[in-house]
């Protein structure tokens, strides 16, 4: 009888805040881009193209901010 164990490696703890910040930045950018697009222009013919452009802008601004802010918020 053989066991088929999958070998997994854990991410070092020093990278947890970076990973959490990255995930939060991505989710925040997705939600903010959706909200900004719907509020400002509504559902139009080129909605997805405009949302993608806004998503890139919010990602460029929001991603680094969440990476920097997450460790401070986590320690509060």
C-alpha atoms as a PDB file:
ATOM      1  CA  UNK A   1       0.000   0.000   0.000  1.00  0.00           C
ATOM      2  CA  UNK A   2       1.518   3.301  -1.071  1.00  0.00           C
ATOM      3  CA  UNK A   3       0.570   6.683   0.187  1.00  0.00           C
ATOM      4  CA  UNK A   4       0.262   9.528  -2.259  1.00  0.00           C
ATOM      5  CA  UNK A   5       1.200  12.425  -0.043  1.00  0.00           C
ATOM      6  CA  UNK A   6       1.548  15.765  -1.678  1.00  0.00           C
ATOM      7  CA  UNK A   7       4.579  17.641  -0.476  1.00  0.00           C
ATOM      8  CA  UNK A   8       3.765  21.257   0.232  1.00  0.00           C
ATOM      9  CA  UNK A   9       5.975  24.076   1.306  1.00  0.00           C
ATOM     10  CA  UNK A  10       4.799  26.928   3.453  1.00  0.00           C
ATOM     11  CA  UNK A  11       5.427  30.527   2.664  1.00  0.00           C
ATOM     12  CA  UNK A  12       7.857  32.092   5.159  1.00  0.00           C
ATOM     13  CA  UNK A  13       6.093  34.298   7.713  1.00  0.00           C
ATOM     14  CA  UNK A  14       7.991  37.387   6.625  1.00  0.00           C
ATOM     15  CA  UNK A  15       6.057  37.301   3.314  1.00  0.00           C
ATOM     16  CA  UNK A  16       2.561  37.004   4.850  1.00  0.00           C
ATOM     17  CA  UNK A  17       1.963  40.747   5.083  1.00  0.00           C
ATOM     18  CA  UNK A  18       3.173  41.149   1.492  1.00  0.00           C
ATOM     19  CA  UNK A  19       0.812  38.419   0.286  1.00  0.00           C
ATOM     20  CA  UNK A  20      -2.138  39.762   2.267  1.00  0.00           C
ATOM     21  CA  UNK A  21      -1.428  43.272   0.998  1.00  0.00           C
ATOM     22  CA  UNK A  22      -1.259  42.005  -2.570  1.00  0.00           C
ATOM     23  CA  UNK A  23      -4.576  40.152  -2.263  1.00  0.00           C
ATOM     24  CA  UNK A  24      -6.239  43.130  -0.584  1.00  0.00           C
ATOM     25  CA  UNK A  25      -4.862  45.490  -3.238  1.00  0.00           C
ATOM     26  CA  UNK A  26      -6.199  43.323  -6.039  1.00  0.00           C
ATOM     27  CA  UNK A  27      -9.649  42.945  -4.472  1.00  0.00           C
ATOM     28  CA  UNK A  28      -9.801  46.655  -3.629  1.00  0.00           C
ATOM     29  CA  UNK A  29      -8.848  47.616  -7.182  1.00  0.00           C
ATOM     30  CA  UNK A  30     -11.470  45.304  -8.665  1.00  0.00           C
ATOM     31  CA  UNK A  31     -14.235  46.687  -6.445  1.00  0.00           C
ATOM     32  CA  UNK A  32     -13.222  50.343  -6.741  1.00  0.00           C
ATOM     33  CA  UNK A  33     -12.922  50.130 -10.531  1.00  0.00           C
ATOM     34  CA  UNK A  34     -16.387  48.588 -10.760  1.00  0.00           C
ATOM     35  CA  UNK A  35     -17.891  51.235  -8.485  1.00  0.00           C
ATOM     36  CA  UNK A  36     -16.188  54.178 -10.181  1.00  0.00           C
ATOM     37  CA  UNK A  37     -17.138  52.942 -13.647  1.00  0.00           C
ATOM     38  CA  UNK A  38     -20.803  52.353 -12.800  1.00  0.00           C
ATOM     39  CA  UNK A  39     -21.207  55.627 -10.876  1.00  0.00           C
ATOM     40  CA  UNK A  40     -19.445  57.854 -13.401  1.00  0.00           C
ATOM     41  CA  UNK A  41     -20.445  56.404 -16.773  1.00  0.00           C
ATOM     42  CA  UNK A  42     -23.037  53.714 -16.082  1.00  0.00           C
ATOM     43  CA  UNK A  43     -23.382  50.534 -18.101  1.00  0.00           C
ATOM     44  CA  UNK A  44     -22.387  51.535 -21.635  1.00  0.00           C
ATOM     45  CA  UNK A  45     -21.366  49.670 -24.773  1.00  0.00           C
ATOM     46  CA  UNK A  46     -17.623  49.658 -24.007  1.00  0.00           C
ATOM     47  CA  UNK A  47     -18.114  49.145 -20.248  1.00  0.00           C
ATOM     48  CA  UNK A  48     -15.515  46.364 -19.860  1.00  0.00           C
ATOM     49  CA  UNK A  49     -12.818  48.253 -21.749  1.00  0.00           C
ATOM     50  CA  UNK A  50     -13.394  51.379 -19.657  1.00  0.00           C
ATOM     51  CA  UNK A  51     -13.506  49.340 -16.444  1.00  0.00           C
ATOM     52  CA  UNK A  52     -10.226  47.648 -17.354  1.00  0.00           C
ATOM     53  CA  UNK A  53      -8.573  51.034 -17.905  1.00  0.00           C
ATOM     54  CA  UNK A  54      -9.864  52.279 -14.553  1.00  0.00           C
ATOM     55  CA  UNK A  55      -8.798  48.992 -12.936  1.00  0.00           C
ATOM     56  CA  UNK A  56      -5.227  49.478 -14.141  1.00  0.00           C
ATOM     57  CA  UNK A  57      -5.174  53.003 -12.704  1.00  0.00           C
ATOM     58  CA  UNK A  58      -6.553  51.908  -9.328  1.00  0.00           C
ATOM     59  CA  UNK A  59      -4.173  48.945  -9.264  1.00  0.00           C
ATOM     60  CA  UNK A  60      -1.147  51.151  -9.925  1.00  0.00           C
ATOM     61  CA  UNK A  61      -2.146  53.432  -7.052  1.00  0.00           C
ATOM     62  CA  UNK A  62      -3.842  51.009  -4.659  1.00  0.00           C
ATOM     63  CA  UNK A  63      -1.509  48.022  -4.825  1.00  0.00           C
ATOM     64  CA  UNK A  64       1.606  49.766  -3.463  1.00  0.00           C
ATOM     65  CA  UNK A  65      -0.488  51.585  -0.869  1.00  0.00           C
ATOM     66  CA  UNK A  66      -1.923  48.367   0.530  1.00  0.00           C
ATOM     67  CA  UNK A  67       1.528  46.767   0.605  1.00  0.00           C
ATOM     68  CA  UNK A  68       2.833  49.692   2.680  1.00  0.00           C
ATOM     69  CA  UNK A  69      -0.215  50.169   4.923  1.00  0.00           C
ATOM     70  CA  UNK A  70      -1.046  46.507   5.695  1.00  0.00           C
ATOM     71  CA  UNK A  71       1.777  45.902   8.230  1.00  0.00           C
ATOM     72  CA  UNK A  72       0.817  49.042  10.169  1.00  0.00           C
ATOM     73  CA  UNK A  73      -2.875  48.150  10.266  1.00  0.00           C
ATOM     74  CA  UNK A  74      -2.060  44.551  11.204  1.00  0.00           C
ATOM     75  CA  UNK A  75      -0.065  45.694  14.240  1.00  0.00           C
ATOM     76  CA  UNK A  76      -2.799  47.974  15.603  1.00  0.00           C
END
